[in-house]
Amino acid sequence: MDIKKNNRISIIGAGNLGQAIAKGLVKSGSFTPDNIILTRRALSELTYLGENSFGITDDNSSAVIKSDLIIVSVGPQDAERVLNSFKDDLGSDKHTLISTMTGVSIKKFKLWSVNKYLL
């Protein structure tokens, strides 16, 4: 995938690491906030980012559908549930999936049927 400034990125699990990635992408000048969608169960934690033009939602599936690049940034205990929440929305022609999760093996991704999108 050729990542371009106009690509839409979803960061699934925008806790501390996800938010730092989003801010870093904007600070680098490579992306604008309106091209980044952040997901989190507790949307109140993302309100300030929504006020700064980032997309925010608690719906992983809708974020994935609207994006080209998906960054999964959740804890390993949530990996299976989160991946299952959007795996049917992934398309091999459209999406690239990147994981920041520790403790989740490639074997686990294969079991969850999303490994072909993993960088």
PDB file of N, CA and C in Angstrom:
ATOM      1  N   MET A   1       0.836  -1.182   0.000  1.00  0.00           N
ATOM      2  CA  MET A   1       0.000   0.000   0.000  1.00  0.00           C
ATOM      3  C   MET A   1       0.877   1.239   0.000  1.00  0.00           C
ATOM      4  N   ASP A   2       0.569   2.144  -0.876  1.00  0.00           N
ATOM      5  CA  ASP A   2       1.246   3.426  -0.924  1.00  0.00           C
ATOM      6  C   ASP A   2       0.464   4.381  -0.028  1.00  0.00           C
ATOM      7  N   ILE A   3       1.029   4.744   1.104  1.00  0.00           N
ATOM      8  CA  ILE A   3       0.331   5.601   2.057  1.00  0.00           C
ATOM      9  C   ILE A   3       0.495   7.047   1.627  1.00  0.00           C
ATOM     10  N   LYS A   4      -0.634   7.699   1.388  1.00  0.00           N
ATOM     11  CA  LYS A   4      -0.645   9.077   0.917  1.00  0.00           C
ATOM     12  C   LYS A   4      -1.398   9.948   1.902  1.00  0.00           C
ATOM     13  N   LYS A   5      -1.151  11.212   1.818  1.00  0.00           N
ATOM     14  CA  LYS A   5      -1.748  12.173   2.736  1.00  0.00           C
ATOM     15  C   LYS A   5      -3.273  12.100   2.748  1.00  0.00           C
ATOM     16  N   ASN A   6      -3.890  11.740   1.637  1.00  0.00           N
ATOM     17  CA  ASN A   6      -5.351  11.705   1.584  1.00  0.00           C
ATOM     18  C   ASN A   6      -5.933  10.362   1.998  1.00  0.00           C
ATOM     19  N   ASN A   7      -5.091   9.386   2.355  1.00  0.00           N
ATOM     20  CA  ASN A   7      -5.607   8.126   2.872  1.00  0.00           C
ATOM     21  C   ASN A   7      -6.264   8.375   4.220  1.00  0.00           C
ATOM     22  N   ARG A   8      -7.331   7.655   4.465  1.00  0.00           N
ATOM     23  CA  ARG A   8      -7.997   7.738   5.768  1.00  0.00           C
ATOM     24  C   ARG A   8      -7.457   6.622   6.649  1.00  0.00           C
ATOM     25  N   ILE A   9      -7.147   6.970   7.876  1.00  0.00           N
ATOM     26  CA  ILE A   9      -6.589   6.032   8.841  1.00  0.00           C
ATOM     27  C   ILE A   9      -7.561   5.881   9.996  1.00  0.00           C
ATOM     28  N   SER A  10      -7.769   4.640  10.419  1.00  0.00           N
ATOM     29  CA  SER A  10      -8.508   4.397  11.658  1.00  0.00           C
ATOM     30  C   SER A  10      -7.545   3.824  12.681  1.00  0.00           C
ATOM     31  N   ILE A  11      -7.603   4.358  13.866  1.00  0.00           N
ATOM     32  CA  ILE A  11      -6.834   3.815  14.983  1.00  0.00           C
ATOM     33  C   ILE A  11      -7.856   3.190  15.925  1.00  0.00           C
ATOM     34  N   ILE A  12      -7.855   1.862  15.920  1.00  0.00           N
ATOM     35  CA  ILE A  12      -8.814   1.106  16.714  1.00  0.00           C
ATOM     36  C   ILE A  12      -8.220   0.919  18.106  1.00  0.00           C
ATOM     37  N   GLY A  13      -8.845   1.527  19.083  1.00  0.00           N
ATOM     38  CA  GLY A  13      -8.321   1.467  20.442  1.00  0.00           C
ATOM     39  C   GLY A  13      -7.445   2.674  20.730  1.00  0.00           C
ATOM     40  N   ALA A  14      -8.045   3.835  20.736  1.00  0.00           N
ATOM     41  CA  ALA A  14      -7.282   5.070  20.894  1.00  0.00           C
ATOM     42  C   ALA A  14      -7.090   5.413  22.367  1.00  0.00           C
ATOM     43  N   GLY A  15      -6.316   4.555  23.043  1.00  0.00           N
ATOM     44  CA  GLY A  15      -5.863   4.866  24.401  1.00  0.00           C
ATOM     45  C   GLY A  15      -4.646   5.754  24.291  1.00  0.00           C
ATOM     46  N   ASN A  16      -3.759   5.692  25.262  1.00  0.00           N
ATOM     47  CA  ASN A  16      -2.572   6.551  25.247  1.00  0.00           C
ATOM     48  C   ASN A  16      -1.727   6.361  23.995  1.00  0.00           C
ATOM     49  N   LEU A  17      -1.436   5.110  23.634  1.00  0.00           N
ATOM     50  CA  LEU A  17      -0.598   4.854  22.458  1.00  0.00           C
ATOM     51  C   LEU A  17      -1.306   5.279  21.177  1.00  0.00           C
ATOM     52  N   GLY A  18      -2.563   4.919  21.025  1.00  0.00           N
ATOM     53  CA  GLY A  18      -3.308   5.291  19.828  1.00  0.00           C
ATOM     54  C   GLY A  18      -3.403   6.793  19.639  1.00  0.00           C
ATOM     55  N   GLN A  19      -3.640   7.495  20.728  1.00  0.00           N
ATOM     56  CA  GLN A  19      -3.703   8.956  20.648  1.00  0.00           C
ATOM     57  C   GLN A  19      -2.348   9.551  20.292  1.00  0.00           C
ATOM     58  N   ALA A  20      -1.288   8.990  20.852  1.00  0.00           N
ATOM     59  CA  ALA A  20       0.063   9.479  20.535  1.00  0.00           C
ATOM     60  C   ALA A  20       0.385   9.261  19.061  1.00  0.00           C
ATOM     61  N   ILE A  21      -0.019   8.120  18.522  1.00  0.00           N
ATOM     62  CA  ILE A  21       0.202   7.849  17.093  1.00  0.00           C
ATOM     63  C   ILE A  21      -0.549   8.878  16.257  1.00  0.00           C
ATOM     64  N   ALA A  22      -1.814   9.113  16.591  1.00  0.00           N
ATOM     65  CA  ALA A  22      -2.622  10.078  15.836  1.00  0.00           C
ATOM     66  C   ALA A  22      -1.997  11.465  15.858  1.00  0.00           C
ATOM     67  N   LYS A  23      -1.608  11.910  17.023  1.00  0.00           N
ATOM     68  CA  LYS A  23      -0.991  13.237  17.148  1.00  0.00           C
ATOM     69  C   LYS A  23       0.338  13.300  16.394  1.00  0.00           C
ATOM     70  N   GLY A  24       1.103  12.213  16.453  1.00  0.00           N
ATOM     71  CA  GLY A  24       2.377  12.169  15.741  1.00  0.00           C
ATOM     72  C   GLY A  24       2.199  12.220  14.233  1.00  0.00           C
ATOM     73  N   LEU A  25       1.176  11.538  13.717  1.00  0.00           N
ATOM     74  CA  LEU A  25       0.903  11.572  12.281  1.00  0.00           C
ATOM     75  C   LEU A  25       0.572  12.987  11.822  1.00  0.00           C
ATOM     76  N   VAL A  26      -0.199  13.700  12.632  1.00  0.00           N
ATOM     77  CA  VAL A  26      -0.548  15.082  12.296  1.00  0.00           C
ATOM     78  C   VAL A  26       0.675  15.991  12.435  1.00  0.00           C
ATOM     79  N   LYS A  27       1.405  15.825  13.518  1.00  0.00           N
ATOM     80  CA  LYS A  27       2.584  16.672  13.751  1.00  0.00           C
ATOM     81  C   LYS A  27       3.626  16.497  12.642  1.00  0.00           C
ATOM     82  N   SER A  28       3.708  15.297  12.087  1.00  0.00           N
ATOM     83  CA  SER A  28       4.679  15.040  11.015  1.00  0.00           C
ATOM     84  C   SER A  28       4.325  15.778   9.729  1.00  0.00           C
ATOM     85  N   GLY A  29       3.087  16.239   9.641  1.00  0.00           N
ATOM     86  CA  GLY A  29       2.638  16.899   8.424  1.00  0.00           C
ATOM     87  C   GLY A  29       2.167  15.920   7.363  1.00  0.00           C
ATOM     88  N   SER A  30       2.210  14.646   7.672  1.00  0.00           N
ATOM     89  CA  SER A  30       1.815  13.618   6.705  1.00  0.00           C
ATOM     90  C   SER A  30       0.308  13.450   6.597  1.00  0.00           C
ATOM     91  N   PHE A  31      -0.410  13.807   7.657  1.00  0.00           N
ATOM     92  CA  PHE A  31      -1.864  13.639   7.688  1.00  0.00           C
ATOM     93  C   PHE A  31      -2.501  14.806   8.403  1.00  0.00           C
ATOM     94  N   THR A  32      -3.769  15.015   8.119  1.00  0.00           N
ATOM     95  CA  THR A  32      -4.545  16.022   8.823  1.00  0.00           C
ATOM     96  C   THR A  32      -5.524  15.299   9.750  1.00  0.00           C
ATOM     97  N   PRO A  33      -5.955  15.956  10.817  1.00  0.00           N
ATOM     98  CA  PRO A  33      -6.862  15.299  11.761  1.00  0.00           C
ATOM     99  C   PRO A  33      -8.137  14.765  11.113  1.00  0.00           C
ATOM    100  N   ASP A  34      -8.637  15.460  10.087  1.00  0.00           N
ATOM    101  CA  ASP A  34      -9.885  15.007   9.478  1.00  0.00           C
ATOM    102  C   ASP A  34      -9.726  13.739   8.648  1.00  0.00           C
ATOM    103  N   ASN A  35      -8.506  13.245   8.477  1.00  0.00           N
ATOM    104  CA  ASN A  35      -8.264  11.965   7.804  1.00  0.00           C
ATOM    105  C   ASN A  35      -7.986  10.839   8.789  1.00  0.00           C
ATOM    106  N   ILE A  36      -8.177  11.107  10.075  1.00  0.00           N
ATOM    107  CA  ILE A  36      -7.898  10.101  11.100  1.00  0.00           C
ATOM    108  C   ILE A  36      -9.151   9.878  11.940  1.00  0.00           C
ATOM    109  N   ILE A  37      -9.559   8.618  12.031  1.00  0.00           N
ATOM    110  CA  ILE A  37     -10.696   8.223  12.861  1.00  0.00           C
ATOM    111  C   ILE A  37     -10.156   7.443  14.051  1.00  0.00           C
ATOM    112  N   LEU A  38     -10.581   7.835  15.238  1.00  0.00           N
ATOM    113  CA  LEU A  38     -10.155   7.174  16.466  1.00  0.00           C
ATOM    114  C   LEU A  38     -11.352   6.451  17.076  1.00  0.00           C
ATOM    115  N   THR A  39     -11.132   5.217  17.511  1.00  0.00           N
ATOM    116  CA  THR A  39     -12.216   4.502  18.184  1.00  0.00           C
ATOM    117  C   THR A  39     -11.819   4.190  19.619  1.00  0.00           C
ATOM    118  N   ARG A  40     -12.838   4.185  20.448  1.00  0.00           N
ATOM    119  CA  ARG A  40     -12.646   3.850  21.853  1.00  0.00           C
ATOM    120  C   ARG A  40     -14.024   3.608  22.464  1.00  0.00           C
ATOM    121  N   ARG A  41     -14.090   2.677  23.384  1.00  0.00           N
ATOM    122  CA  ARG A  41     -15.377   2.416  24.042  1.00  0.00           C
ATOM    123  C   ARG A  41     -15.847   3.633  24.822  1.00  0.00           C
ATOM    124  N   ALA A  42     -14.940   4.288  25.524  1.00  0.00           N
ATOM    125  CA  ALA A  42     -15.287   5.480  26.320  1.00  0.00           C
ATOM    126  C   ALA A  42     -15.015   6.726  25.473  1.00  0.00           C
ATOM    127  N   LEU A  43     -16.008   7.128  24.691  1.00  0.00           N
ATOM    128  CA  LEU A  43     -15.830   8.276  23.799  1.00  0.00           C
ATOM    129  C   LEU A  43     -15.507   9.565  24.544  1.00  0.00           C
ATOM    130  N   SER A  44     -15.925   9.672  25.780  1.00  0.00           N
ATOM    131  CA  SER A  44     -15.645  10.895  26.544  1.00  0.00           C
ATOM    132  C   SER A  44     -14.144  11.155  26.654  1.00  0.00           C
ATOM    133  N   GLU A  45     -13.338  10.097  26.558  1.00  0.00           N
ATOM    134  CA  GLU A  45     -11.879  10.238  26.612  1.00  0.00           C
ATOM    135  C   GLU A  45     -11.309  10.847  25.327  1.00  0.00           C
ATOM    136  N   LEU A  46     -12.131  10.896  24.279  1.00  0.00           N
ATOM    137  CA  LEU A  46     -11.659  11.411  22.984  1.00  0.00           C
ATOM    138  C   LEU A  46     -12.305  12.735  22.594  1.00  0.00           C
ATOM    139  N   THR A  47     -13.157  13.268  23.448  1.00  0.00           N
ATOM    140  CA  THR A  47     -13.898  14.488  23.113  1.00  0.00           C
ATOM    141  C   THR A  47     -12.986  15.611  22.648  1.00  0.00           C
ATOM    142  N   TYR A  48     -11.893  15.823  23.355  1.00  0.00           N
ATOM    143  CA  TYR A  48     -10.992  16.927  22.991  1.00  0.00           C
ATOM    144  C   TYR A  48     -10.386  16.719  21.606  1.00  0.00           C
ATOM    145  N   LEU A  49     -10.189  15.474  21.202  1.00  0.00           N
ATOM    146  CA  LEU A  49      -9.665  15.214  19.858  1.00  0.00           C
ATOM    147  C   LEU A  49     -10.743  15.440  18.801  1.00  0.00           C
ATOM    148  N   GLY A  50     -11.974  15.089  19.122  1.00  0.00           N
ATOM    149  CA  GLY A  50     -13.088  15.377  18.216  1.00  0.00           C
ATOM    150  C   GLY A  50     -13.242  16.873  17.992  1.00  0.00           C
ATOM    151  N   GLU A  51     -13.010  17.641  19.043  1.00  0.00           N
ATOM    152  CA  GLU A  51     -13.080  19.099  18.937  1.00  0.00           C
ATOM    153  C   GLU A  51     -11.938  19.666  18.103  1.00  0.00           C
ATOM    154  N   ASN A  52     -10.926  18.852  17.860  1.00  0.00           N
ATOM    155  CA  ASN A  52      -9.779  19.257  17.037  1.00  0.00           C
ATOM    156  C   ASN A  52      -9.784  18.572  15.677  1.00  0.00           C
ATOM    157  N   SER A  53     -10.968  18.227  15.189  1.00  0.00           N
ATOM    158  CA  SER A  53     -11.202  17.720  13.833  1.00  0.00           C
ATOM    159  C   SER A  53     -10.891  16.247  13.601  1.00  0.00           C
ATOM    160  N   PHE A  54     -10.458  15.510  14.611  1.00  0.00           N
ATOM    161  CA  PHE A  54     -10.308  14.062  14.453  1.00  0.00           C
ATOM    162  C   PHE A  54     -11.702  13.445  14.431  1.00  0.00           C
ATOM    163  N   GLY A  55     -11.868  12.392  13.652  1.00  0.00           N
ATOM    164  CA  GLY A  55     -13.109  11.634  13.732  1.00  0.00           C
ATOM    165  C   GLY A  55     -13.053  10.755  14.965  1.00  0.00           C
ATOM    166  N   ILE A  56     -14.148  10.668  15.700  1.00  0.00           N
ATOM    167  CA  ILE A  56     -14.189   9.782  16.868  1.00  0.00           C
ATOM    168  C   ILE A  56     -15.476   8.962  16.822  1.00  0.00           C
ATOM    169  N   THR A  57     -15.358   7.703  17.247  1.00  0.00           N
ATOM    170  CA  THR A  57     -16.515   6.820  17.282  1.00  0.00           C
ATOM    171  C   THR A  57     -16.231   5.654  18.216  1.00  0.00           C
ATOM    172  N   ASP A  58     -17.296   4.989  18.627  1.00  0.00           N
ATOM    173  CA  ASP A  58     -17.133   3.749  19.381  1.00  0.00           C
ATOM    174  C   ASP A  58     -17.497   2.549  18.510  1.00  0.00           C
ATOM    175  N   ASP A  59     -17.661   2.780  17.212  1.00  0.00           N
ATOM    176  CA  ASP A  59     -18.057   1.743  16.258  1.00  0.00           C
ATOM    177  C   ASP A  59     -16.864   1.370  15.371  1.00  0.00           C
ATOM    178  N   ASN A  60     -16.174   0.294  15.737  1.00  0.00           N
ATOM    179  CA  ASN A  60     -14.990  -0.140  14.982  1.00  0.00           C
ATOM    180  C   ASN A  60     -15.327  -0.459  13.532  1.00  0.00           C
ATOM    181  N   SER A  61     -16.440  -1.107  13.310  1.00  0.00           N
ATOM    182  CA  SER A  61     -16.831  -1.510  11.967  1.00  0.00           C
ATOM    183  C   SER A  61     -16.978  -0.303  11.036  1.00  0.00           C
ATOM    184  N   SER A  62     -17.686   0.727  11.483  1.00  0.00           N
ATOM    185  CA  SER A  62     -17.873   1.898  10.616  1.00  0.00           C
ATOM    186  C   SER A  62     -16.551   2.616  10.361  1.00  0.00           C
ATOM    187  N   ALA A  63     -15.669   2.636  11.355  1.00  0.00           N
ATOM    188  CA  ALA A  63     -14.361   3.263  11.162  1.00  0.00           C
ATOM    189  C   ALA A  63     -13.553   2.516  10.108  1.00  0.00           C
ATOM    190  N   VAL A  64     -13.574   1.199  10.166  1.00  0.00           N
ATOM    191  CA  VAL A  64     -12.830   0.380   9.198  1.00  0.00           C
ATOM    192  C   VAL A  64     -13.379   0.579   7.789  1.00  0.00           C
ATOM    193  N   ILE A  65     -14.675   0.579   7.655  1.00  0.00           N
ATOM    194  CA  ILE A  65     -15.300   0.753   6.333  1.00  0.00           C
ATOM    195  C   ILE A  65     -14.865   2.067   5.691  1.00  0.00           C
ATOM    196  N   LYS A  66     -14.670   3.097   6.484  1.00  0.00           N
ATOM    197  CA  LYS A  66     -14.322   4.426   5.972  1.00  0.00           C
ATOM    198  C   LYS A  66     -12.827   4.633   5.776  1.00  0.00           C
ATOM    199  N   SER A  67     -12.010   3.623   6.068  1.00  0.00           N
ATOM    200  CA  SER A  67     -10.564   3.817   6.094  1.00  0.00           C
ATOM    201  C   SER A  67      -9.814   2.917   5.130  1.00  0.00           C
ATOM    202  N   ASP A  68      -8.559   3.289   4.878  1.00  0.00           N
ATOM    203  CA  ASP A  68      -7.651   2.501   4.051  1.00  0.00           C
ATOM    204  C   ASP A  68      -6.632   1.773   4.920  1.00  0.00           C
ATOM    205  N   LEU A  69      -6.163   2.445   5.951  1.00  0.00           N
ATOM    206  CA  LEU A  69      -5.145   1.911   6.849  1.00  0.00           C
ATOM    207  C   LEU A  69      -5.755   1.774   8.236  1.00  0.00           C
ATOM    208  N   ILE A  70      -5.619   0.579   8.822  1.00  0.00           N
ATOM    209  CA  ILE A  70      -6.181   0.301  10.135  1.00  0.00           C
ATOM    210  C   ILE A  70      -5.029   0.004  11.093  1.00  0.00           C
ATOM    211  N   ILE A  71      -4.939   0.764  12.172  1.00  0.00           N
ATOM    212  CA  ILE A  71      -3.939   0.524  13.206  1.00  0.00           C
ATOM    213  C   ILE A  71      -4.687   0.011  14.431  1.00  0.00           C
ATOM    214  N   VAL A  72      -4.373  -1.222  14.823  1.00  0.00           N
ATOM    215  CA  VAL A  72      -5.025  -1.823  15.987  1.00  0.00           C
ATOM    216  C   VAL A  72      -4.128  -1.611  17.187  1.00  0.00           C
ATOM    217  N   SER A  73      -4.641  -0.890  18.156  1.00  0.00           N
ATOM    218  CA  SER A  73      -3.837  -0.505  19.311  1.00  0.00           C
ATOM    219  C   SER A  73      -4.623  -0.782  20.592  1.00  0.00           C
ATOM    220  N   VAL A  74      -4.892  -2.047  20.816  1.00  0.00           N
ATOM    221  CA  VAL A  74      -5.610  -2.456  22.026  1.00  0.00           C
ATOM    222  C   VAL A  74      -4.735  -3.420  22.811  1.00  0.00           C
ATOM    223  N   GLY A  75      -5.104  -3.652  24.040  1.00  0.00           N
ATOM    224  CA  GLY A  75      -4.380  -4.612  24.851  1.00  0.00           C
ATOM    225  C   GLY A  75      -4.631  -6.031  24.359  1.00  0.00           C
ATOM    226  N   PRO A  76      -3.699  -6.934  24.603  1.00  0.00           N
ATOM    227  CA  PRO A  76      -3.833  -8.302  24.109  1.00  0.00           C
ATOM    228  C   PRO A  76      -5.076  -9.008  24.643  1.00  0.00           C
ATOM    229  N   GLN A  77      -5.546  -8.630  25.817  1.00  0.00           N
ATOM    230  CA  GLN A  77      -6.737  -9.249  26.373  1.00  0.00           C
ATOM    231  C   GLN A  77      -7.994  -8.894  25.581  1.00  0.00           C
ATOM    232  N   ASP A  78      -7.950  -7.809  24.814  1.00  0.00           N
ATOM    233  CA  ASP A  78      -9.087  -7.363  24.014  1.00  0.00           C
ATOM    234  C   ASP A  78      -8.961  -7.702  22.538  1.00  0.00           C
ATOM    235  N   ALA A  79      -7.840  -8.277  22.142  1.00  0.00           N
ATOM    236  CA  ALA A  79      -7.533  -8.473  20.725  1.00  0.00           C
ATOM    237  C   ALA A  79      -8.599  -9.256  19.976  1.00  0.00           C
ATOM    238  N   GLU A  80      -8.952 -10.421  20.449  1.00  0.00           N
ATOM    239  CA  GLU A  80      -9.911 -11.256  19.712  1.00  0.00           C
ATOM    240  C   GLU A  80     -11.258 -10.560  19.565  1.00  0.00           C
ATOM    241  N   ARG A  81     -11.766  -9.993  20.644  1.00  0.00           N
ATOM    242  CA  ARG A  81     -13.059  -9.305  20.590  1.00  0.00           C
ATOM    243  C   ARG A  81     -13.014  -8.132  19.608  1.00  0.00           C
ATOM    244  N   VAL A  82     -11.959  -7.358  19.673  1.00  0.00           N
ATOM    245  CA  VAL A  82     -11.852  -6.183  18.808  1.00  0.00           C
ATOM    246  C   VAL A  82     -11.688  -6.591  17.341  1.00  0.00           C
ATOM    247  N   LEU A  83     -10.809  -7.544  17.068  1.00  0.00           N
ATOM    248  CA  LEU A  83     -10.630  -7.986  15.683  1.00  0.00           C
ATOM    249  C   LEU A  83     -11.915  -8.571  15.116  1.00  0.00           C
ATOM    250  N   ASN A  84     -12.643  -9.316  15.926  1.00  0.00           N
ATOM    251  CA  ASN A  84     -13.910  -9.878  15.466  1.00  0.00           C
ATOM    252  C   ASN A  84     -14.954  -8.803  15.199  1.00  0.00           C
ATOM    253  N   SER A  85     -14.816  -7.647  15.824  1.00  0.00           N
ATOM    254  CA  SER A  85     -15.802  -6.579  15.638  1.00  0.00           C
ATOM    255  C   SER A  85     -15.754  -5.954  14.248  1.00  0.00           C
ATOM    256  N   PHE A  86     -14.648  -6.168  13.524  1.00  0.00           N
ATOM    257  CA  PHE A  86     -14.560  -5.560  12.186  1.00  0.00           C
ATOM    258  C   PHE A  86     -13.985  -6.474  11.115  1.00  0.00           C
ATOM    259  N   LYS A  87     -13.648  -7.702  11.422  1.00  0.00           N
ATOM    260  CA  LYS A  87     -12.976  -8.552  10.434  1.00  0.00           C
ATOM    261  C   LYS A  87     -13.800  -8.767   9.170  1.00  0.00           C
ATOM    262  N   ASP A  88     -15.116  -8.784   9.271  1.00  0.00           N
ATOM    263  CA  ASP A  88     -15.956  -8.967   8.086  1.00  0.00           C
ATOM    264  C   ASP A  88     -15.980  -7.737   7.193  1.00  0.00           C
ATOM    265  N   ASP A  89     -15.485  -6.619   7.693  1.00  0.00           N
ATOM    266  CA  ASP A  89     -15.459  -5.375   6.920  1.00  0.00           C
ATOM    267  C   ASP A  89     -14.138  -5.145   6.200  1.00  0.00           C
ATOM    268  N   LEU A  90     -13.164  -6.010   6.445  1.00  0.00           N
ATOM    269  CA  LEU A  90     -11.857  -5.858   5.805  1.00  0.00           C
ATOM    270  C   LEU A  90     -11.908  -6.342   4.362  1.00  0.00           C
ATOM    271  N   GLY A  91     -11.247  -5.606   3.496  1.00  0.00           N
ATOM    272  CA  GLY A  91     -11.131  -5.997   2.102  1.00  0.00           C
ATOM    273  C   GLY A  91      -9.675  -6.005   1.686  1.00  0.00           C
ATOM    274  N   SER A  92      -9.235  -7.084   1.070  1.00  0.00           N
ATOM    275  CA  SER A  92      -7.824  -7.215   0.716  1.00  0.00           C
ATOM    276  C   SER A  92      -7.372  -6.164  -0.285  1.00  0.00           C
ATOM    277  N   ASP A  93      -8.277  -5.658  -1.106  1.00  0.00           N
ATOM    278  CA  ASP A  93      -7.911  -4.642  -2.086  1.00  0.00           C
ATOM    279  C   ASP A  93      -7.825  -3.250  -1.477  1.00  0.00           C
ATOM    280  N   LYS A  94      -8.466  -3.057  -0.348  1.00  0.00           N
ATOM    281  CA  LYS A  94      -8.575  -1.721   0.216  1.00  0.00           C
ATOM    282  C   LYS A  94      -7.756  -1.514   1.483  1.00  0.00           C
ATOM    283  N   HIS A  95      -7.710  -2.488   2.354  1.00  0.00           N
ATOM    284  CA  HIS A  95      -7.196  -2.263   3.704  1.00  0.00           C
ATOM    285  C   HIS A  95      -5.810  -2.842   3.958  1.00  0.00           C
ATOM    286  N   THR A  96      -5.082  -2.106   4.774  1.00  0.00           N
ATOM    287  CA  THR A  96      -3.836  -2.595   5.357  1.00  0.00           C
ATOM    288  C   THR A  96      -4.022  -2.524   6.857  1.00  0.00           C
ATOM    289  N   LEU A  97      -3.685  -3.611   7.535  1.00  0.00           N
ATOM    290  CA  LEU A  97      -3.858  -3.703   8.976  1.00  0.00           C
ATOM    291  C   LEU A  97      -2.497  -3.733   9.643  1.00  0.00           C
ATOM    292  N   ILE A  98      -2.309  -2.848  10.612  1.00  0.00           N
ATOM    293  CA  ILE A  98      -1.077  -2.776  11.385  1.00  0.00           C
ATOM    294  C   ILE A  98      -1.439  -2.974  12.853  1.00  0.00           C
ATOM    295  N   SER A  99      -0.656  -3.745  13.557  1.00  0.00           N
ATOM    296  CA  SER A  99      -0.910  -3.993  14.967  1.00  0.00           C
ATOM    297  C   SER A  99       0.217  -3.426  15.825  1.00  0.00           C
ATOM    298  N   THR A 100      -0.166  -2.771  16.917  1.00  0.00           N
ATOM    299  CA  THR A 100       0.803  -2.336  17.918  1.00  0.00           C
ATOM    300  C   THR A 100       0.712  -3.215  19.157  1.00  0.00           C
ATOM    301  N   MET A 101      -0.084  -4.271  19.087  1.00  0.00           N
ATOM    302  CA  MET A 101      -0.329  -5.122  20.255  1.00  0.00           C
ATOM    303  C   MET A 101       0.875  -5.996  20.575  1.00  0.00           C
ATOM    304  N   THR A 102       1.169  -6.084  21.852  1.00  0.00           N
ATOM    305  CA  THR A 102       2.197  -7.011  22.304  1.00  0.00           C
ATOM    306  C   THR A 102       1.517  -8.283  22.770  1.00  0.00           C
ATOM    307  N   GLY A 103       2.226  -9.380  22.696  1.00  0.00           N
ATOM    308  CA  GLY A 103       1.697 -10.630  23.221  1.00  0.00           C
ATOM    309  C   GLY A 103       0.644 -11.300  22.376  1.00  0.00           C
ATOM    310  N   VAL A 104       0.462 -10.861  21.141  1.00  0.00           N
ATOM    311  CA  VAL A 104      -0.493 -11.492  20.231  1.00  0.00           C
ATOM    312  C   VAL A 104       0.298 -12.029  19.044  1.00  0.00           C
ATOM    313  N   SER A 105       0.392 -13.334  18.944  1.00  0.00           N
ATOM    314  CA  SER A 105       1.217 -13.958  17.915  1.00  0.00           C
ATOM    315  C   SER A 105       0.535 -13.949  16.549  1.00  0.00           C
ATOM    316  N   ILE A 106       1.345 -14.136  15.520  1.00  0.00           N
ATOM    317  CA  ILE A 106       0.809 -14.271  14.164  1.00  0.00           C
ATOM    318  C   ILE A 106      -0.134 -15.481  14.103  1.00  0.00           C
ATOM    319  N   LYS A 107       0.197 -16.517  14.839  1.00  0.00           N
ATOM    320  CA  LYS A 107      -0.674 -17.702  14.887  1.00  0.00           C
ATOM    321  C   LYS A 107      -2.080 -17.315  15.360  1.00  0.00           C
ATOM    322  N   LYS A 108      -2.144 -16.458  16.357  1.00  0.00           N
ATOM    323  CA  LYS A 108      -3.457 -15.998  16.842  1.00  0.00           C
ATOM    324  C   LYS A 108      -4.193 -15.231  15.752  1.00  0.00           C
ATOM    325  N   PHE A 109      -3.471 -14.377  15.016  1.00  0.00           N
ATOM    326  CA  PHE A 109      -4.105 -13.640  13.924  1.00  0.00           C
ATOM    327  C   PHE A 109      -4.648 -14.608  12.874  1.00  0.00           C
ATOM    328  N   LYS A 110      -3.914 -15.660  12.588  1.00  0.00           N
ATOM    329  CA  LYS A 110      -4.404 -16.657  11.634  1.00  0.00           C
ATOM    330  C   LYS A 110      -5.689 -17.293  12.128  1.00  0.00           C
ATOM    331  N   LEU A 111      -5.730 -17.588  13.405  1.00  0.00           N
ATOM    332  CA  LEU A 111      -6.949 -18.168  13.973  1.00  0.00           C
ATOM    333  C   LEU A 111      -8.132 -17.216  13.846  1.00  0.00           C
ATOM    334  N   TRP A 112      -7.848 -15.928  13.925  1.00  0.00           N
ATOM    335  CA  TRP A 112      -8.910 -14.937  13.846  1.00  0.00           C
ATOM    336  C   TRP A 112      -9.143 -14.449  12.415  1.00  0.00           C
ATOM    337  N   SER A 113      -8.476 -15.089  11.438  1.00  0.00           N
ATOM    338  CA  SER A 113      -8.718 -14.871  10.009  1.00  0.00           C
ATOM    339  C   SER A 113      -8.466 -13.457   9.519  1.00  0.00           C
ATOM    340  N   VAL A 114      -7.496 -12.775  10.098  1.00  0.00           N
ATOM    341  CA  VAL A 114      -7.166 -11.441   9.599  1.00  0.00           C
ATOM    342  C   VAL A 114      -5.697 -11.331   9.212  1.00  0.00           C
ATOM    343  N   ASN A 115      -4.943 -12.401   9.289  1.00  0.00           N
ATOM    344  CA  ASN A 115      -3.500 -12.326   9.090  1.00  0.00           C
ATOM    345  C   ASN A 115      -3.095 -11.825   7.719  1.00  0.00           C
ATOM    346  N   LYS A 116      -3.897 -12.016   6.693  1.00  0.00           N
ATOM    347  CA  LYS A 116      -3.475 -11.600   5.354  1.00  0.00           C
ATOM    348  C   LYS A 116      -3.420 -10.075   5.198  1.00  0.00           C
ATOM    349  N   TYR A 117      -3.948  -9.344   6.160  1.00  0.00           N
ATOM    350  CA  TYR A 117      -3.916  -7.885   6.093  1.00  0.00           C
ATOM    351  C   TYR A 117      -2.843  -7.279   6.979  1.00  0.00           C
ATOM    352  N   LEU A 118      -2.103  -8.109   7.668  1.00  0.00           N
ATOM    353  CA  LEU A 118      -1.133  -7.655   8.647  1.00  0.00           C
ATOM    354  C   LEU A 118       0.184  -7.281   8.000  1.00  0.00           C
ATOM    355  N   LEU A 119       0.739  -6.127   8.336  1.00  0.00           N
ATOM    356  CA  LEU A 119       2.075  -5.741   7.867  1.00  0.00           C
ATOM    357  C   LEU A 119       3.117  -6.292   8.803  1.00  0.00           C
TER     358      LEU A 119
END
